Amino acid sequence: MSGRLGQLSVDMSDQEVTYSALRSHQSPSESQTRLRTGGTKRPEEPVDKECSVPWRLIAVTLGILCLLLLLTVAALGTTSKFDEEKWSCCGVTCYYFTTESETWNRCVQTCQRSKSSLLKINDEDELVFIQSQAYKNIYWIGLSYNVIIKEWKWINRDTSPGLNLKITNLHSEIGERCAFLTSTRLTNTECSKVYNCICEKTVNFLGST
């Protein structure tokens, strides 16, 4: 019996020595890995979102402002599309000869968008100057026949002062008529036809858009 106990003690001592030797040969990294695996995971550090939110808000705000700026520029380009360098001036009045063909009513609107008005001829000298600039094109002017009152009226609702146009003595029974001119003649036709426009404004307003 005592012999078996002695043998058992020797075997246990050998196992302890072997276990101690194995632990002594483990690397520090393996020990740390085992401790981390068996232990509680460290809580992740919270991401600092408070700093990122203002920057995102600023970026979105700047994007909206840029979009509004582009829309404003586009709108200004549409409503004030006339190139100031292309105005032809005579005395205190400047004229713009458009290159787009439109009906008489659309020409009225086109001139209004540039803060001018469809041409009103006041005297023979002005007529000569306008026709010298017309070349081979056909242009609407601001004179139309009102079928209700049976009179020719300029765009500002006044009869022509100082210029006796032959067409103002004609009366139309077939509907509204509008006046146009070329380099050689001045006559009238249906207002629904499409021609170029002549817009005018005084020199004092030429710098404004």
Protein backbone atom coordinates (compact mmCIF):
# COMPACT_ATOMS: atom_id res chain seq x y z
CA MET A 1 0.00 0.00 0.00
CA SER A 2 2.73 2.43 0.94
CA GLY A 3 4.49 1.55 -2.32
CA ARG A 4 1.45 2.54 -4.39
CA LEU A 5 1.12 5.83 -2.53
CA GLY A 6 4.74 6.61 -3.15
CA GLN A 7 4.40 5.83 -6.83
CA LEU A 8 1.28 8.07 -7.07
CA SER A 9 3.14 10.94 -5.40
CA VAL A 10 5.99 10.63 -7.87
CA ASP A 11 3.58 10.63 -10.83
CA MET A 12 1.79 13.75 -9.56
CA SER A 13 5.10 15.51 -9.01
CA ASP A 14 6.12 14.70 -12.57
CA GLN A 15 2.85 16.14 -13.90
CA GLU A 16 3.29 19.33 -11.89
CA VAL A 17 6.82 19.74 -13.22
CA THR A 18 5.60 19.20 -16.79
CA TYR A 19 2.71 21.71 -16.35
CA SER A 20 5.07 24.27 -14.84
CA ALA A 21 7.49 23.81 -17.72
CA LEU A 22 4.73 24.30 -20.26
CA ARG A 23 3.54 27.51 -18.60
CA SER A 24 7.07 28.84 -18.44
CA HIS A 25 7.51 28.33 -22.21
CA GLN A 26 4.34 30.24 -23.15
CA SER A 27 5.00 33.61 -24.74
CA PRO A 28 3.60 36.74 -23.12
CA SER A 29 1.43 37.33 -26.18
CA GLU A 30 -0.21 33.91 -25.86
CA SER A 31 -0.96 34.57 -22.22
CA GLN A 32 -2.48 37.93 -23.00
CA THR A 33 -4.54 36.39 -25.79
CA ARG A 34 -5.89 33.75 -23.45
CA LEU A 35 -6.74 36.35 -20.83
CA ARG A 36 -8.52 38.53 -23.39
CA THR A 37 -10.45 35.55 -24.76
CA GLY A 38 -11.67 34.47 -21.40
CA GLY A 39 -12.24 37.93 -20.01
CA THR A 40 -14.89 40.52 -20.68
CA LYS A 41 -14.60 42.49 -23.93
CA ARG A 42 -13.58 46.09 -23.58
CA PRO A 43 -16.36 48.47 -24.53
CA GLU A 44 -15.83 50.22 -27.85
CA GLU A 45 -14.99 53.86 -27.63
CA PRO A 46 -17.95 55.98 -28.68
CA VAL A 47 -17.54 57.84 -31.98
CA ASP A 48 -17.59 61.56 -31.52
CA LYS A 49 -20.61 62.39 -33.67
CA GLU A 50 -21.13 65.81 -32.21
CA CYS A 51 -18.28 67.23 -34.30
CA SER A 52 -19.43 65.65 -37.58
CA VAL A 53 -23.04 66.87 -37.43
CA PRO A 54 -22.28 70.63 -37.73
CA TRP A 55 -19.96 70.02 -40.67
CA ARG A 56 -22.63 68.06 -42.50
CA LEU A 57 -25.16 70.79 -41.81
CA ILE A 58 -22.76 73.42 -43.13
CA ALA A 59 -22.10 71.37 -46.28
CA VAL A 60 -25.83 70.96 -46.98
CA THR A 61 -26.45 74.67 -46.39
CA LEU A 62 -23.64 75.67 -48.76
CA GLY A 63 -25.00 73.30 -51.39
CA ILE A 64 -28.45 74.87 -51.18
CA LEU A 65 -26.99 78.38 -51.41
CA CYS A 66 -24.98 77.43 -54.50
CA LEU A 67 -28.10 76.00 -56.14
CA LEU A 68 -30.07 79.17 -55.41
CA LEU A 69 -27.24 81.26 -56.84
CA LEU A 70 -27.23 79.25 -60.06
CA LEU A 71 -31.00 79.58 -60.39
CA THR A 72 -30.75 83.34 -59.83
CA VAL A 73 -28.06 83.71 -62.48
CA ALA A 74 -30.13 81.64 -64.92
CA ALA A 75 -33.19 83.78 -64.26
CA LEU A 76 -31.25 87.00 -64.76
CA GLY A 77 -29.82 85.65 -68.00
CA THR A 78 -33.33 84.95 -69.26
CA THR A 79 -34.91 88.26 -68.30
CA SER A 80 -31.99 90.40 -69.39
CA LYS A 81 -30.59 88.56 -72.38
CA PHE A 82 -29.77 91.63 -74.50
CA ASP A 83 -26.09 92.40 -74.96
CA GLU A 84 -25.57 96.08 -74.13
CA GLU A 85 -22.82 96.32 -76.76
CA LYS A 86 -25.31 95.53 -79.53
CA TRP A 87 -27.58 98.50 -78.91
CA SER A 88 -27.52 101.12 -81.70
CA CYS A 89 -27.97 104.68 -80.47
CA CYS A 90 -29.16 107.85 -82.17
CA GLY A 91 -29.58 110.96 -80.06
CA VAL A 92 -30.98 110.05 -76.65
CA THR A 93 -32.57 106.80 -77.82
CA CYS A 94 -30.97 103.37 -78.26
CA TYR A 95 -32.36 100.49 -80.28
CA TYR A 96 -31.96 96.73 -80.16
CA PHE A 97 -32.61 94.64 -83.28
CA THR A 98 -33.44 91.11 -82.20
CA THR A 99 -32.40 88.04 -84.17
CA GLU A 100 -35.31 85.82 -83.11
CA SER A 101 -38.59 85.78 -85.03
CA GLU A 102 -41.73 86.23 -82.93
CA THR A 103 -45.33 87.35 -83.20
CA TRP A 104 -46.13 91.00 -82.55
CA ASN A 105 -47.45 90.30 -79.04
CA ARG A 106 -44.40 88.22 -78.18
CA CYS A 107 -42.16 91.06 -79.36
CA VAL A 108 -43.96 93.37 -76.94
CA GLN A 109 -43.17 90.94 -74.10
CA THR A 110 -39.57 90.46 -75.22
CA CYS A 111 -38.90 94.19 -75.10
CA GLN A 112 -40.60 94.54 -71.72
CA ARG A 113 -38.35 91.85 -70.23
CA SER A 114 -35.33 93.99 -71.12
CA LYS A 115 -37.00 97.07 -69.60
CA SER A 116 -37.56 98.62 -73.01
CA SER A 117 -40.53 98.91 -75.37
CA LEU A 118 -41.37 97.97 -78.93
CA LEU A 119 -40.25 100.74 -81.29
CA LYS A 120 -42.31 103.92 -81.55
CA ILE A 121 -41.24 106.19 -84.44
CA ASN A 122 -41.53 109.88 -83.62
CA ASP A 123 -40.18 111.63 -86.72
CA GLU A 124 -38.72 111.18 -90.20
CA ASP A 125 -35.12 111.32 -88.99
CA GLU A 126 -35.74 108.42 -86.64
CA LEU A 127 -37.41 106.43 -89.41
CA VAL A 128 -34.43 106.99 -91.73
CA PHE A 129 -31.99 105.85 -89.05
CA ILE A 130 -34.00 102.72 -88.22
CA GLN A 131 -34.34 101.69 -91.85
CA SER A 132 -30.60 102.17 -92.37
CA GLN A 133 -30.04 99.57 -89.64
CA ALA A 134 -32.68 97.10 -90.80
CA TYR A 135 -30.69 95.65 -93.73
CA LYS A 136 -32.61 92.73 -95.25
CA ASN A 137 -34.66 91.78 -92.19
CA ILE A 138 -38.29 92.45 -91.34
CA TYR A 139 -39.07 94.01 -87.96
CA TRP A 140 -42.21 94.58 -85.97
CA ILE A 141 -42.72 98.11 -84.62
CA GLY A 142 -44.98 99.25 -81.81
CA LEU A 143 -47.93 100.27 -83.97
CA SER A 144 -51.13 98.23 -84.25
CA TYR A 145 -54.72 98.66 -85.43
CA ASN A 146 -57.42 98.44 -82.78
CA VAL A 147 -60.56 96.97 -84.37
CA ILE A 148 -62.77 98.11 -81.50
CA ILE A 149 -62.06 101.83 -81.77
CA LYS A 150 -60.97 101.53 -85.43
CA GLU A 151 -57.77 103.47 -84.92
CA TRP A 152 -54.05 102.88 -85.19
CA LYS A 153 -52.34 103.10 -81.82
CA TRP A 154 -48.72 103.09 -80.75
CA ILE A 155 -47.56 100.79 -77.99
CA ASN A 156 -47.97 103.55 -75.38
CA ARG A 157 -51.63 104.04 -76.37
CA ASP A 158 -50.98 107.39 -78.10
CA THR A 159 -51.42 108.27 -81.74
CA SER A 160 -48.21 109.00 -83.61
CA PRO A 161 -46.97 112.52 -82.85
CA GLY A 162 -45.08 114.30 -85.63
CA LEU A 163 -44.91 111.39 -88.09
CA ASN A 164 -47.63 110.94 -90.67
CA LEU A 165 -47.52 107.28 -91.67
CA LYS A 166 -49.66 106.32 -94.63
CA ILE A 167 -50.76 103.12 -92.95
CA THR A 168 -52.46 105.11 -90.17
CA ASN A 169 -54.98 106.31 -92.73
CA LEU A 170 -55.96 102.73 -93.58
CA HIS A 171 -58.78 100.95 -91.78
CA SER A 172 -58.88 97.19 -91.47
CA GLU A 173 -62.12 95.26 -91.48
CA ILE A 174 -60.56 91.81 -91.28
CA GLY A 175 -59.17 91.93 -87.78
CA GLU A 176 -56.22 93.19 -85.82
CA ARG A 177 -53.27 94.40 -87.88
CA CYS A 178 -49.73 95.27 -86.82
CA ALA A 179 -47.09 97.42 -88.50
CA PHE A 180 -43.66 96.27 -89.58
CA LEU A 181 -40.80 97.81 -91.52
CA THR A 182 -37.88 96.84 -93.72
CA SER A 183 -35.03 98.92 -95.09
CA THR A 184 -37.29 100.16 -97.91
CA ARG A 185 -40.90 100.08 -96.74
CA LEU A 186 -43.28 100.35 -93.81
CA THR A 187 -46.59 98.49 -93.94
CA ASN A 188 -48.85 96.16 -91.94
CA THR A 189 -50.00 92.55 -91.83
CA GLU A 190 -51.58 89.98 -89.49
CA CYS A 191 -50.13 90.24 -85.98
CA SER A 192 -49.78 86.46 -85.78
CA LYS A 193 -46.94 86.37 -88.29
CA VAL A 194 -43.40 86.05 -86.97
CA TYR A 195 -40.75 88.70 -87.58
CA ASN A 196 -37.84 90.18 -85.67
CA CYS A 197 -38.38 92.94 -83.09
CA ILE A 198 -36.98 96.44 -82.59
CA CYS A 199 -36.83 97.44 -78.93
CA GLU A 200 -35.98 100.95 -77.77
CA LYS A 201 -35.10 102.78 -74.57
CA THR A 202 -33.49 106.07 -73.66
CA VAL A 203 -29.78 106.43 -72.92
CA ASN A 204 -30.52 107.17 -69.26
CA PHE A 205 -31.84 103.65 -68.78
CA LEU A 206 -29.29 101.83 -70.93
CA GLY A 207 -27.05 101.07 -67.95
CA SER A 208 -29.89 99.46 -65.99
CA THR A 209 -30.90 95.83 -66.48
